[in-house]
Structures are given as C-alpha cells and as structure tokens.
Amino acid sequence: LASISAGENDMDIDRVSFFRDAVSASAPIILDLSPTDGFDHFYEALSFIREAITKDSKLPKKLKDSCDNREWIKMVHDSHGSVERSSISQARSISRNGIFTIS
C-alpha cells in the first residue's frame, strides 16, 4: 500500500524502500523473538542483522530514516481503508498457505 501511495515521487519511493529494507533486516527480532526467549536466541537474531549490514552498509541510516518518517508511514496506513488492508492480508495468507491461479 505504501508503494502505491509513493507513486512516482522519488522521496516517497525512498521512504518505502528504506522502510522495507529496515524491516526486512530486523524481521528476526520483530517477528521471531518471544518475551521468554533468552540471550542466546536474541544474539542469534542479531547475527541476521549483522549479516544484512555487511551486505548493505546504509542499513543503519535506512532504519533511522524510517523512524524519522514514521508519521508519514502511519498516515499512509491510515489513509487506506480496511478493504485494501484486508485484501493485502488475504493475499499474504494465500501466499503462505495456498496457490494463486491466474487465468
């Protein structure tokens, strides 16, 4: 949805791209850790981020920029209706558990 909102505006396209990169690199900490996980599991999740930073040295700046742009990201989220968010959620579910058929 954010990509749609960015349109052809280079600044907004960068915002979306930076946010996507930062979240993708942080996914092991955001999605895989539970409150009961110990230090070893946390350290293991950090190794994924260290590897991502090795591949993209601008990742820390992208994360900071994403934090600085959180109001824009929230505005994009809020500006799209529940139908769009529901459609994206359904597509993710199909992608994880089903098969897309294009005719």
Foldseek 3Di string as FASTA:
>chain_A
DQCVVCPPPPVSNLLVVLVVLLCVQQVCVVPVDDPPDDPVSVVVSVVSNVVSCVVPVCNVVSVVVNVVCVVVVVVVVVVDDPVVVVVVVVVVVCVVPHDDDDD
